[in-house]
Amino acid sequence: MTKIHVLSHDQYDIGAPDYEKWVGVYSSRERAEQALARLRNKPGFRERPEAWEILEWELDKDHGWRDGYATIYRGEDYAKEGR
């Protein structure tokens, strides 16, 4: 079973326009942690240190959206779509 490690910076709780940033995909957790250490003090990232996440994903496997998806509009995004 081959796994990858996805480093992301997520800002769901503040409703930022680009709230999820996939920063990189790594062959080990150690390499993902090294990337996080290199990037954590950069502008934008340093203001939200709690938003970092390292996900471990198994290759060749569905990880979500198995039943499709629905778009949910919130606040300003909802208004922009004319709803």
C-alpha atoms as a PDB file:
ATOM      1  CA  MET A   1       0.000   0.000   0.000  1.00  0.00           C
ATOM      2  CA  THR A   2       1.579   3.249  -1.183  1.00  0.00           C
ATOM      3  CA  LYS A   3       0.723   6.465   0.635  1.00  0.00           C
ATOM      4  CA  ILE A   4       1.270  10.140  -0.051  1.00  0.00           C
ATOM      5  CA  HIS A   5       1.225  13.059   2.358  1.00  0.00           C
ATOM      6  CA  VAL A   6      -0.628  16.206   1.335  1.00  0.00           C
ATOM      7  CA  LEU A   7       0.345  19.475   3.015  1.00  0.00           C
ATOM      8  CA  SER A   8      -2.459  22.019   2.996  1.00  0.00           C
ATOM      9  CA  HIS A   9      -3.312  25.344   4.574  1.00  0.00           C
ATOM     10  CA  ASP A  10      -7.068  25.664   5.152  1.00  0.00           C
ATOM     11  CA  GLN A  11      -8.990  28.744   6.216  1.00  0.00           C
ATOM     12  CA  TYR A  12     -12.564  27.438   6.205  1.00  0.00           C
ATOM     13  CA  ASP A  13     -13.533  29.270   9.369  1.00  0.00           C
ATOM     14  CA  ILE A  14     -12.913  32.778   7.985  1.00  0.00           C
ATOM     15  CA  GLY A  15     -14.584  32.270   4.605  1.00  0.00           C
ATOM     16  CA  ALA A  16     -11.495  33.299   2.639  1.00  0.00           C
ATOM     17  CA  PRO A  17     -11.977  33.181  -1.163  1.00  0.00           C
ATOM     18  CA  ASP A  18      -9.131  30.710  -1.653  1.00  0.00           C
ATOM     19  CA  TYR A  19      -9.605  29.018   1.669  1.00  0.00           C
ATOM     20  CA  GLU A  20      -7.922  25.717   0.835  1.00  0.00           C
ATOM     21  CA  LYS A  21      -4.388  25.697  -0.509  1.00  0.00           C
ATOM     22  CA  TRP A  22      -2.739  22.421  -1.409  1.00  0.00           C
ATOM     23  CA  VAL A  23       0.876  23.348  -0.822  1.00  0.00           C
ATOM     24  CA  GLY A  24       2.530  20.085  -1.815  1.00  0.00           C
ATOM     25  CA  VAL A  25       2.404  16.315  -2.056  1.00  0.00           C
ATOM     26  CA  TYR A  26       5.188  14.323  -0.417  1.00  0.00           C
ATOM     27  CA  SER A  27       6.384  10.740  -0.225  1.00  0.00           C
ATOM     28  CA  SER A  28       6.619  10.766   3.584  1.00  0.00           C
ATOM     29  CA  ARG A  29       5.242  12.613   6.580  1.00  0.00           C
ATOM     30  CA  GLU A  30       8.786  13.706   7.420  1.00  0.00           C
ATOM     31  CA  ARG A  31       9.145  15.478   4.056  1.00  0.00           C
ATOM     32  CA  ALA A  32       5.764  17.152   4.486  1.00  0.00           C
ATOM     33  CA  GLU A  33       6.834  18.373   7.930  1.00  0.00           C
ATOM     34  CA  GLN A  34      10.080  19.720   6.452  1.00  0.00           C
ATOM     35  CA  ALA A  35       8.086  21.688   3.868  1.00  0.00           C
ATOM     36  CA  LEU A  36       5.817  23.050   6.587  1.00  0.00           C
ATOM     37  CA  ALA A  37       8.896  24.184   8.539  1.00  0.00           C
ATOM     38  CA  ARG A  38      10.199  26.013   5.427  1.00  0.00           C
ATOM     39  CA  LEU A  39       6.890  27.757   4.743  1.00  0.00           C
ATOM     40  CA  ARG A  40       5.242  28.411   8.109  1.00  0.00           C
ATOM     41  CA  ASN A  41       6.740  31.916   8.501  1.00  0.00           C
ATOM     42  CA  LYS A  42       5.929  33.167   4.997  1.00  0.00           C
ATOM     43  CA  PRO A  43       3.358  35.972   4.558  1.00  0.00           C
ATOM     44  CA  GLY A  44      -0.213  34.717   4.699  1.00  0.00           C
ATOM     45  CA  PHE A  45       0.796  31.440   6.311  1.00  0.00           C
ATOM     46  CA  ARG A  46       2.327  32.931   9.445  1.00  0.00           C
ATOM     47  CA  GLU A  47      -0.886  34.809  10.276  1.00  0.00           C
ATOM     48  CA  ARG A  48      -2.801  31.503  10.504  1.00  0.00           C
ATOM     49  CA  PRO A  49      -0.392  28.903  11.950  1.00  0.00           C
ATOM     50  CA  GLU A  50      -3.293  26.735  13.147  1.00  0.00           C
ATOM     51  CA  ALA A  51      -4.547  26.253   9.568  1.00  0.00           C
ATOM     52  CA  TRP A  52      -1.833  23.758   8.541  1.00  0.00           C
ATOM     53  CA  GLU A  53      -2.756  20.131   7.975  1.00  0.00           C
ATOM     54  CA  ILE A  54      -0.933  17.047   6.741  1.00  0.00           C
ATOM     55  CA  LEU A  55      -3.223  14.402   5.289  1.00  0.00           C
ATOM     56  CA  GLU A  56      -2.130  10.849   4.574  1.00  0.00           C
ATOM     57  CA  TRP A  57      -3.768   9.363   1.483  1.00  0.00           C
ATOM     58  CA  GLU A  58      -3.520   5.860   0.116  1.00  0.00           C
ATOM     59  CA  LEU A  59      -2.954   5.749  -3.654  1.00  0.00           C
ATOM     60  CA  ASP A  60      -5.393   4.121  -6.082  1.00  0.00           C
ATOM     61  CA  LYS A  61      -8.358   4.532  -3.736  1.00  0.00           C
ATOM     62  CA  ASP A  62     -11.434   6.778  -3.729  1.00  0.00           C
ATOM     63  CA  HIS A  63     -11.251   9.161  -0.782  1.00  0.00           C
ATOM     64  CA  GLY A  64     -14.408  11.151  -1.153  1.00  0.00           C
ATOM     65  CA  TRP A  65     -17.264  12.288  -3.359  1.00  0.00           C
ATOM     66  CA  ARG A  66     -18.400   8.708  -3.894  1.00  0.00           C
ATOM     67  CA  ASP A  67     -22.035   9.819  -4.108  1.00  0.00           C
ATOM     68  CA  GLY A  68     -21.398  13.021  -6.074  1.00  0.00           C
ATOM     69  CA  TYR A  69     -21.581  16.496  -4.567  1.00  0.00           C
ATOM     70  CA  ALA A  70     -23.774  19.548  -4.113  1.00  0.00           C
ATOM     71  CA  THR A  71     -22.714  23.182  -4.104  1.00  0.00           C
ATOM     72  CA  ILE A  72     -23.569  25.050  -0.923  1.00  0.00           C
ATOM     73  CA  TYR A  73     -23.470  28.818  -1.132  1.00  0.00           C
ATOM     74  CA  ARG A  74     -22.700  30.950   1.903  1.00  0.00           C
ATOM     75  CA  GLY A  75     -22.935  34.670   2.524  1.00  0.00           C
ATOM     76  CA  GLU A  76     -21.313  36.779  -0.178  1.00  0.00           C
ATOM     77  CA  ASP A  77     -20.831  33.843  -2.571  1.00  0.00           C
ATOM     78  CA  TYR A  78     -24.571  33.186  -2.432  1.00  0.00           C
ATOM     79  CA  ALA A  79     -25.335  36.807  -3.329  1.00  0.00           C
ATOM     80  CA  LYS A  80     -22.846  36.794  -6.235  1.00  0.00           C
ATOM     81  CA  GLU A  81     -24.655  33.870  -7.806  1.00  0.00           C
ATOM     82  CA  GLY A  82     -27.919  35.862  -7.784  1.00  0.00           C
ATOM     83  CA  ARG A  83     -29.668  33.628  -5.266  1.00  0.00           C
END
